[in-house]
């Protein structure tokens, strides 16, 4: 599905809509809805900072488990690019602190759950893992000091080192609780994305 919002094109894959709909239907506790809402606000943080720095957002692609924002960073400084990269995490941590405070005042369980979701989403995104904000920042730092090839190698190593314990923890959580699959799914998705990228690079080089 393709939409036009101002000067940006928005693409939404059928599989992402189908998976999201199925997850919401099967989610009895409403956790998926909170995660989706927190993720939307996370991406909005990136986009708002891009617009504030006059960065043109060319397109936004919503795929299964991934939101890809294609923007022109040629007119911004490295400092602004770093700020934009952390825009989503800043939103998540700000929301987490705000809703923890609201929970302390009003004692609504939904406020606590939303605070925890935003905290975990923010922490997960600052990991130096490819396709996460922390990985983008690491790659930005490495590219300023190393060749593109070496930067990719070091970023891939960091991804494996940090993603492996997360995946193990996801397996443990899955066995301890039959419905707690989110962390495992996110880890496996990122691993598959990394392998797919390396396969494409090898194919191009051959």
Protein backbone atom coordinates (compact mmCIF):
# COMPACT_ATOMS: atom_id res chain seq x y z
CA UNK A 1 0.00 0.00 0.00
CA UNK A 2 1.36 3.41 -1.01
CA UNK A 3 0.38 6.77 0.49
CA UNK A 4 1.48 10.35 -0.10
CA UNK A 5 1.90 12.58 2.97
CA UNK A 6 3.03 16.06 2.03
CA UNK A 7 6.19 15.48 -0.06
CA UNK A 8 6.98 12.06 1.43
CA UNK A 9 5.90 8.67 0.13
CA UNK A 10 4.76 6.11 2.70
CA UNK A 11 4.83 2.40 1.86
CA UNK A 12 3.12 -0.18 4.06
CA UNK A 13 3.64 -3.87 3.26
CA UNK A 14 0.74 -6.30 3.32
CA UNK A 15 2.65 -8.69 5.60
CA UNK A 16 3.23 -5.98 8.22
CA UNK A 17 -0.50 -5.16 8.31
CA UNK A 18 -1.46 -8.86 8.48
CA UNK A 19 1.08 -9.65 11.22
CA UNK A 20 0.13 -6.59 13.25
CA UNK A 21 -3.58 -7.40 12.99
CA UNK A 22 -2.99 -11.02 14.04
CA UNK A 23 -0.79 -9.95 16.96
CA UNK A 24 -3.42 -7.51 18.25
CA UNK A 25 -6.16 -10.14 17.97
CA UNK A 26 -4.10 -12.75 19.85
CA UNK A 27 -2.78 -10.29 22.44
CA UNK A 28 -5.12 -10.59 25.44
CA UNK A 29 -3.19 -8.20 27.69
CA UNK A 30 -2.87 -5.33 25.22
CA UNK A 31 0.93 -5.43 25.27
CA UNK A 32 1.21 -5.39 21.47
CA UNK A 33 -0.91 -2.24 21.24
CA UNK A 34 1.33 -0.48 23.76
CA UNK A 35 4.46 -1.62 21.89
CA UNK A 36 3.07 -0.42 18.56
CA UNK A 37 2.09 2.95 20.03
CA UNK A 38 5.53 3.36 21.63
CA UNK A 39 7.21 2.40 18.34
CA UNK A 40 5.14 4.95 16.41
CA UNK A 41 6.16 7.67 18.87
CA UNK A 42 9.78 6.49 18.60
CA UNK A 43 9.78 6.95 14.82
CA UNK A 44 7.92 10.26 15.19
CA UNK A 45 10.85 11.46 17.33
CA UNK A 46 13.25 10.80 14.44
CA UNK A 47 10.98 12.47 11.88
CA UNK A 48 10.27 15.58 13.99
CA UNK A 49 13.99 16.16 14.53
CA UNK A 50 14.61 15.67 10.80
CA UNK A 51 11.99 18.29 9.98
CA UNK A 52 13.38 20.68 12.60
CA UNK A 53 16.82 20.39 10.94
CA UNK A 54 15.36 20.90 7.44
CA UNK A 55 16.07 17.29 6.44
CA UNK A 56 13.91 16.13 3.55
CA UNK A 57 12.14 12.86 4.28
CA UNK A 58 11.91 11.14 0.89
CA UNK A 59 10.05 8.00 1.91
CA UNK A 60 8.97 5.88 4.87
CA UNK A 61 8.68 2.11 4.47
CA UNK A 62 6.83 0.01 7.03
CA UNK A 63 7.94 -3.60 6.66
CA UNK A 64 7.52 -6.60 8.92
CA UNK A 65 9.20 -5.56 12.18
CA UNK A 66 11.05 -2.64 10.61
CA UNK A 67 10.49 1.03 9.73
CA UNK A 68 12.93 2.40 7.13
CA UNK A 69 13.14 6.18 6.78
CA UNK A 70 14.88 7.40 3.62
CA UNK A 71 16.08 10.97 4.13
CA UNK A 72 18.64 13.37 2.68
CA UNK A 73 21.33 14.08 5.31
CA UNK A 74 23.67 15.92 2.95
CA UNK A 75 22.72 19.32 4.40
CA UNK A 76 23.14 18.53 8.10
CA UNK A 77 26.18 18.40 10.35
CA UNK A 78 27.44 15.25 12.05
CA UNK A 79 26.20 16.65 15.37
CA UNK A 80 22.67 17.05 14.00
CA UNK A 81 22.80 13.56 12.47
CA UNK A 82 23.73 12.11 15.87
CA UNK A 83 20.86 14.00 17.49
CA UNK A 84 18.41 12.76 14.85
CA UNK A 85 19.66 9.19 15.34
CA UNK A 86 18.88 9.38 19.06
CA UNK A 87 15.57 11.21 18.52
CA UNK A 88 13.47 8.08 18.97
CA UNK A 89 15.32 6.96 22.10
CA UNK A 90 14.95 10.43 23.61
CA UNK A 91 11.19 10.24 23.07
CA UNK A 92 10.98 6.76 24.64
CA UNK A 93 12.99 7.70 27.74
CA UNK A 94 11.03 10.93 28.16
CA UNK A 95 7.72 9.08 27.93
CA UNK A 96 8.97 6.40 30.31
CA UNK A 97 9.93 8.94 32.98
CA UNK A 98 6.68 10.88 32.49
CA UNK A 99 4.43 7.83 32.77
CA UNK A 100 6.33 6.47 35.77
CA UNK A 101 5.62 9.79 37.47
CA UNK A 102 1.96 9.66 36.44
CA UNK A 103 1.71 6.10 37.77
CA UNK A 104 3.10 7.22 41.13
CA UNK A 105 0.43 9.92 41.26
CA UNK A 106 -2.63 8.09 39.92
CA UNK A 107 -1.75 4.37 40.32
CA UNK A 108 -3.19 3.31 36.94
CA UNK A 109 -1.60 0.03 35.83
CA UNK A 110 -1.76 1.06 32.16
CA UNK A 111 0.53 4.01 32.90
CA UNK A 112 3.09 1.69 34.50
CA UNK A 113 2.95 -0.76 31.58
CA UNK A 114 3.41 2.04 29.04
CA UNK A 115 6.36 3.41 31.03
CA UNK A 116 8.03 -0.03 31.08
CA UNK A 117 7.41 -0.59 27.34
CA UNK A 118 9.03 2.75 26.47
CA UNK A 119 11.97 2.08 28.81
CA UNK A 120 12.66 -1.35 27.30
CA UNK A 121 12.22 -0.04 23.75
CA UNK A 122 14.67 2.78 24.43
CA UNK A 123 17.26 0.46 25.99
CA UNK A 124 16.89 -2.06 23.16
CA UNK A 125 17.41 0.64 20.52
CA UNK A 126 20.64 2.00 22.02
CA UNK A 127 22.36 -1.38 21.67
CA UNK A 128 25.23 -1.17 19.15
CA UNK A 129 23.39 -3.55 16.83
CA UNK A 130 22.90 -3.04 13.12
CA UNK A 131 19.45 -1.65 12.16
CA UNK A 132 19.02 -0.18 15.65
CA UNK A 133 19.77 3.43 16.61
CA UNK A 134 22.87 2.40 18.57
CA UNK A 135 24.14 0.51 15.54
CA UNK A 136 23.54 3.51 13.28
CA UNK A 137 25.51 5.71 15.67
CA UNK A 138 28.35 3.17 15.86
CA UNK A 139 28.50 2.99 12.07
CA UNK A 140 28.50 6.78 11.85
CA UNK A 141 31.42 6.92 14.29
CA UNK A 142 33.38 4.18 12.51
CA UNK A 143 32.85 5.68 9.05
CA UNK A 144 34.48 8.89 10.23
CA UNK A 145 37.67 7.00 11.10
CA UNK A 146 37.79 3.84 9.00
CA UNK A 147 37.01 2.67 5.50
CA UNK A 148 33.45 1.62 4.71
CA UNK A 149 34.45 -2.05 4.52
CA UNK A 150 36.21 -2.06 7.92
CA UNK A 151 33.33 -0.12 9.45
CA UNK A 152 30.89 -2.77 8.25
CA UNK A 153 33.06 -5.56 9.65
CA UNK A 154 33.38 -3.98 13.11
CA UNK A 155 29.66 -3.16 13.15
CA UNK A 156 28.81 -6.77 12.29
CA UNK A 157 31.08 -8.03 15.09
CA UNK A 158 29.42 -5.69 17.59
CA UNK A 159 26.02 -6.88 16.38
CA UNK A 160 26.85 -10.53 17.01
CA UNK A 161 28.47 -9.82 20.41
CA UNK A 162 25.54 -7.80 21.75
CA UNK A 163 22.70 -9.63 19.99
CA UNK A 164 23.69 -13.14 21.12
CA UNK A 165 22.97 -12.59 24.86
CA UNK A 166 19.72 -10.82 23.97
CA UNK A 167 18.64 -13.84 21.90
CA UNK A 168 19.61 -16.22 24.73
CA UNK A 169 17.60 -14.17 27.19
CA UNK A 170 14.70 -14.27 24.73
CA UNK A 171 14.84 -18.09 24.64
CA UNK A 172 14.92 -18.25 28.45
CA UNK A 173 11.94 -15.88 28.67
CA UNK A 174 10.05 -17.97 26.12
CA UNK A 175 10.55 -21.17 28.12
CA UNK A 176 9.60 -19.50 31.41
CA UNK A 177 6.50 -17.89 29.93
CA UNK A 178 4.74 -19.34 26.90
CA UNK A 179 3.47 -15.94 25.71
CA UNK A 180 6.63 -13.88 26.18
CA UNK A 181 8.03 -14.13 22.64
CA UNK A 182 8.63 -10.45 21.75
CA UNK A 183 12.33 -10.28 22.68
CA UNK A 184 13.10 -13.56 20.95
CA UNK A 185 11.28 -12.47 17.79
CA UNK A 186 13.11 -9.13 17.72
CA UNK A 187 16.48 -10.84 18.12
CA UNK A 188 15.83 -13.44 15.43
CA UNK A 189 14.52 -10.73 13.09
CA UNK A 190 17.68 -8.65 13.48
CA UNK A 191 19.89 -11.72 12.96
CA UNK A 192 18.01 -12.63 9.77
CA UNK A 193 18.30 -9.03 8.55
CA UNK A 194 22.06 -9.05 9.11
CA UNK A 195 22.51 -12.39 7.32
CA UNK A 196 20.33 -11.19 4.44
CA UNK A 197 22.41 -8.01 4.08
CA UNK A 198 25.67 -9.95 4.01
CA UNK A 199 24.22 -12.33 1.41
CA UNK A 200 23.26 -9.39 -0.81
CA UNK A 201 26.74 -7.88 -0.44
CA UNK A 202 28.37 -11.18 -1.45
CA UNK A 203 26.02 -11.48 -4.43
CA UNK A 204 26.90 -7.97 -5.61
CA UNK A 205 30.61 -8.62 -5.25
CA UNK A 206 30.57 -11.86 -7.23
